[in-house]
Every structure is written in structure tokens, then in C-alpha cells.
Amino acid sequence: MADEIVVVGTFASRYEAEFARETLHAAGIDAILLADDAGGAYAGLFFAGQARLLVHSTDAARTKALLDEVESIQDPEGQEDV
């Protein structure tokens, strides 16, 4: 069975998606960022929707657990702990 590429998250901004991608890379997970924002030139102006983060299907469960862990660090107002 071929390893498929699956969407594991959508983000309101390219910057959030880049943070998530770099978090995954630090954990040894290859990830691809797809955002229709002219390569960052028009960050925040998505012409085809949100920024999407993709990984190999074999990494999907580990990725979701890691992203959930990172999200749980945020306080109730949605602000990241510093």
C-alpha cells in the first residue's frame, strides 16, 4: 500500500501553519504547507481558503497528537504561554 499524503490541520494564517510545520520538523516529521498567498507576499489574503498542513498518512496520528499537545499549552483566552 502506497503512503498517502493527508491534511492534518488547517490554519487561519500562514504564520500559524509555519509554526506548526516547524514544530513537526523538530519532532522528525516531514510536513508540507499549502497556502494560496503568493508565497507569503499576500499573507492573510487566502484566495482558495485556509493554509493546510499535510503529512504522510503513516505520521498522521503522531502529528495530530503533537499538534493537540502544542494547542493545549495555550491559555483559555487563546494566548500562548510565554
N, C-alpha and C. Protein backbone atom coordinates (compact mmCIF):
# COMPACT_ATOMS: atom_id res chain seq x y z
N MET A 1 0.85 -1.19 0.00
CA MET A 1 0.00 0.00 0.00
C MET A 1 0.89 1.24 0.00
N ALA A 2 0.60 2.15 -0.90
CA ALA A 2 1.38 3.37 -1.01
C ALA A 2 1.05 4.32 0.14
N ASP A 3 2.06 5.02 0.59
CA ASP A 3 1.88 6.01 1.65
C ASP A 3 1.23 7.26 1.05
N GLU A 4 0.07 7.62 1.56
CA GLU A 4 -0.66 8.77 1.04
C GLU A 4 -0.28 10.03 1.81
N ILE A 5 -0.56 11.17 1.21
CA ILE A 5 -0.39 12.47 1.87
C ILE A 5 -1.78 12.90 2.33
N VAL A 6 -1.89 13.29 3.60
CA VAL A 6 -3.19 13.67 4.16
C VAL A 6 -3.09 15.03 4.84
N VAL A 7 -4.21 15.74 4.86
CA VAL A 7 -4.30 17.02 5.56
C VAL A 7 -4.51 16.73 7.04
N VAL A 8 -3.65 17.31 7.88
CA VAL A 8 -3.76 17.10 9.33
C VAL A 8 -4.16 18.36 10.07
N GLY A 9 -4.22 19.47 9.36
CA GLY A 9 -4.64 20.69 10.02
C GLY A 9 -4.86 21.81 9.03
N THR A 10 -5.78 22.70 9.39
CA THR A 10 -5.98 23.93 8.63
C THR A 10 -5.80 25.09 9.60
N PHE A 11 -5.26 26.18 9.10
CA PHE A 11 -4.89 27.30 9.94
C PHE A 11 -5.40 28.60 9.32
N ALA A 12 -5.76 29.54 10.17
CA ALA A 12 -6.29 30.82 9.71
C ALA A 12 -5.22 31.68 9.07
N SER A 13 -3.95 31.46 9.44
CA SER A 13 -2.88 32.26 8.86
C SER A 13 -1.70 31.37 8.47
N ARG A 14 -0.94 31.86 7.52
CA ARG A 14 0.27 31.15 7.09
C ARG A 14 1.24 31.02 8.25
N TYR A 15 1.31 32.04 9.10
CA TYR A 15 2.27 32.03 10.20
C TYR A 15 1.97 30.92 11.20
N GLU A 16 0.70 30.71 11.50
CA GLU A 16 0.32 29.60 12.39
C GLU A 16 0.71 28.26 11.76
N ALA A 17 0.46 28.13 10.48
CA ALA A 17 0.80 26.89 9.78
C ALA A 17 2.30 26.67 9.75
N GLU A 18 3.08 27.73 9.56
CA GLU A 18 4.54 27.61 9.56
C GLU A 18 5.05 27.19 10.93
N PHE A 19 4.46 27.75 11.98
CA PHE A 19 4.84 27.37 13.34
C PHE A 19 4.58 25.88 13.55
N ALA A 20 3.41 25.42 13.14
CA ALA A 20 3.06 24.01 13.29
C ALA A 20 4.01 23.13 12.47
N ARG A 21 4.31 23.55 11.25
CA ARG A 21 5.22 22.77 10.39
C ARG A 21 6.60 22.65 11.03
N GLU A 22 7.13 23.76 11.56
CA GLU A 22 8.44 23.72 12.18
C GLU A 22 8.44 22.89 13.46
N THR A 23 7.32 22.89 14.18
CA THR A 23 7.19 22.03 15.36
C THR A 23 7.28 20.57 14.94
N LEU A 24 6.61 20.23 13.85
CA LEU A 24 6.66 18.86 13.35
C LEU A 24 8.06 18.49 12.86
N HIS A 25 8.71 19.39 12.15
CA HIS A 25 10.07 19.13 11.68
C HIS A 25 11.01 18.88 12.85
N ALA A 26 10.85 19.64 13.93
CA ALA A 26 11.69 19.46 15.12
C ALA A 26 11.47 18.08 15.74
N ALA A 27 10.28 17.52 15.54
CA ALA A 27 9.96 16.19 16.06
C ALA A 27 10.30 15.09 15.06
N GLY A 28 10.89 15.47 13.92
CA GLY A 28 11.29 14.48 12.92
C GLY A 28 10.18 14.08 11.96
N ILE A 29 9.14 14.89 11.86
CA ILE A 29 8.02 14.60 10.96
C ILE A 29 8.09 15.55 9.76
N ASP A 30 8.16 14.97 8.55
CA ASP A 30 8.14 15.79 7.33
C ASP A 30 6.73 16.31 7.11
N ALA A 31 6.62 17.59 6.81
CA ALA A 31 5.31 18.20 6.59
C ALA A 31 5.38 19.19 5.43
N ILE A 32 4.26 19.35 4.76
CA ILE A 32 4.14 20.27 3.62
C ILE A 32 3.09 21.31 3.97
N LEU A 33 3.38 22.56 3.65
CA LEU A 33 2.44 23.66 3.88
C LEU A 33 1.88 24.10 2.54
N LEU A 34 0.55 24.15 2.44
CA LEU A 34 -0.11 24.65 1.24
C LEU A 34 -0.94 25.87 1.60
N ALA A 35 -0.62 27.00 0.98
CA ALA A 35 -1.37 28.23 1.21
C ALA A 35 -1.35 29.04 -0.07
N ASP A 36 -2.50 29.48 -0.50
CA ASP A 36 -2.60 30.28 -1.71
C ASP A 36 -2.48 31.76 -1.33
N ASP A 37 -1.23 32.18 -1.04
CA ASP A 37 -0.99 33.57 -0.64
C ASP A 37 0.21 34.16 -1.36
N ALA A 38 0.44 33.69 -2.57
CA ALA A 38 1.55 34.18 -3.40
C ALA A 38 2.89 34.03 -2.69
N GLY A 39 3.11 32.88 -2.07
CA GLY A 39 4.38 32.60 -1.42
C GLY A 39 4.65 33.48 -0.21
N GLY A 40 3.61 33.96 0.41
CA GLY A 40 3.77 34.81 1.59
C GLY A 40 3.67 36.29 1.28
N ALA A 41 3.67 36.65 0.00
CA ALA A 41 3.59 38.06 -0.37
C ALA A 41 2.26 38.67 0.06
N TYR A 42 1.21 37.86 0.08
CA TYR A 42 -0.11 38.32 0.49
C TYR A 42 -0.59 37.50 1.68
N ALA A 43 0.28 37.36 2.67
CA ALA A 43 -0.07 36.58 3.86
C ALA A 43 -1.35 37.13 4.48
N GLY A 44 -2.26 36.24 4.79
CA GLY A 44 -3.54 36.65 5.37
C GLY A 44 -4.63 36.84 4.34
N LEU A 45 -4.26 36.91 3.07
CA LEU A 45 -5.25 37.05 2.00
C LEU A 45 -5.29 35.74 1.21
N PHE A 46 -6.02 34.78 1.72
CA PHE A 46 -6.07 33.48 1.07
C PHE A 46 -7.14 33.48 0.00
N PHE A 47 -6.73 33.13 -1.19
CA PHE A 47 -7.64 33.15 -2.33
C PHE A 47 -8.41 31.84 -2.46
N ALA A 48 -7.89 30.77 -1.87
CA ALA A 48 -8.54 29.47 -2.00
C ALA A 48 -8.82 28.84 -0.64
N GLY A 49 -8.87 29.61 0.40
CA GLY A 49 -9.17 29.06 1.71
C GLY A 49 -8.00 29.19 2.66
N GLN A 50 -8.00 28.35 3.65
CA GLN A 50 -7.02 28.42 4.72
C GLN A 50 -5.71 27.75 4.33
N ALA A 51 -4.67 28.00 5.16
CA ALA A 51 -3.40 27.29 4.98
C ALA A 51 -3.60 25.86 5.48
N ARG A 52 -3.10 24.91 4.73
CA ARG A 52 -3.27 23.50 5.09
C ARG A 52 -1.91 22.86 5.33
N LEU A 53 -1.86 21.99 6.31
CA LEU A 53 -0.64 21.26 6.65
C LEU A 53 -0.85 19.80 6.30
N LEU A 54 0.07 19.23 5.53
CA LEU A 54 -0.04 17.85 5.07
C LEU A 54 1.15 17.03 5.54
N VAL A 55 0.89 15.75 5.83
CA VAL A 55 1.95 14.81 6.21
C VAL A 55 1.66 13.46 5.56
N HIS A 56 2.62 12.56 5.66
CA HIS A 56 2.40 11.18 5.22
C HIS A 56 1.36 10.56 6.14
N SER A 57 0.50 9.73 5.59
CA SER A 57 -0.56 9.11 6.38
C SER A 57 -0.01 8.30 7.54
N THR A 58 1.19 7.76 7.39
CA THR A 58 1.79 6.98 8.48
C THR A 58 2.18 7.85 9.66
N ASP A 59 2.30 9.17 9.45
CA ASP A 59 2.64 10.10 10.52
C ASP A 59 1.43 10.86 11.06
N ALA A 60 0.24 10.61 10.51
CA ALA A 60 -0.93 11.41 10.84
C ALA A 60 -1.31 11.35 12.32
N ALA A 61 -1.36 10.18 12.90
CA ALA A 61 -1.77 10.06 14.31
C ALA A 61 -0.77 10.76 15.23
N ARG A 62 0.51 10.54 14.98
CA ARG A 62 1.56 11.19 15.79
C ARG A 62 1.50 12.70 15.62
N THR A 63 1.26 13.16 14.40
CA THR A 63 1.16 14.59 14.12
C THR A 63 0.01 15.23 14.89
N LYS A 64 -1.16 14.61 14.80
CA LYS A 64 -2.33 15.17 15.49
C LYS A 64 -2.12 15.22 16.99
N ALA A 65 -1.49 14.18 17.56
CA ALA A 65 -1.21 14.18 19.00
C ALA A 65 -0.25 15.31 19.37
N LEU A 66 0.77 15.52 18.55
CA LEU A 66 1.74 16.58 18.82
C LEU A 66 1.09 17.96 18.70
N LEU A 67 0.29 18.17 17.66
CA LEU A 67 -0.37 19.46 17.48
C LEU A 67 -1.38 19.72 18.60
N ASP A 68 -2.08 18.67 19.05
CA ASP A 68 -3.01 18.82 20.18
C ASP A 68 -2.25 19.21 21.45
N GLU A 69 -1.08 18.62 21.64
CA GLU A 69 -0.27 18.94 22.81
C GLU A 69 0.18 20.40 22.77
N VAL A 70 0.61 20.87 21.62
CA VAL A 70 1.03 22.26 21.47
C VAL A 70 -0.16 23.19 21.72
N GLU A 71 -1.31 22.85 21.19
CA GLU A 71 -2.50 23.68 21.36
C GLU A 71 -2.93 23.74 22.83
N SER A 72 -2.73 22.67 23.55
CA SER A 72 -3.14 22.64 24.96
C SER A 72 -2.28 23.55 25.84
N ILE A 73 -1.16 24.01 25.33
CA ILE A 73 -0.29 24.92 26.07
C ILE A 73 -0.90 26.32 26.13
N GLN A 74 -1.82 26.61 25.21
CA GLN A 74 -2.45 27.93 25.18
C GLN A 74 -3.36 28.11 26.38
N ASP A 75 -3.46 29.36 26.84
CA ASP A 75 -4.36 29.64 27.97
C ASP A 75 -5.80 29.75 27.46
N PRO A 76 -6.78 29.86 28.35
CA PRO A 76 -8.19 29.86 27.93
C PRO A 76 -8.57 30.98 26.96
N GLU A 77 -7.86 32.09 26.98
CA GLU A 77 -8.16 33.18 26.05
C GLU A 77 -7.52 32.95 24.68
N GLY A 78 -6.82 31.85 24.50
CA GLY A 78 -6.19 31.57 23.21
C GLY A 78 -4.82 32.19 23.05
N GLN A 79 -4.27 32.74 24.12
CA GLN A 79 -2.94 33.34 24.07
C GLN A 79 -1.92 32.27 24.46
N GLU A 80 -0.80 32.24 23.74
CA GLU A 80 0.24 31.28 24.06
C GLU A 80 0.97 31.70 25.34
N ASP A 81 1.34 30.71 26.15
CA ASP A 81 2.16 31.00 27.32
C ASP A 81 3.54 31.42 26.87
N VAL A 82 4.10 32.38 27.55
CA VAL A 82 5.44 32.86 27.19
C VAL A 82 6.41 32.48 28.27
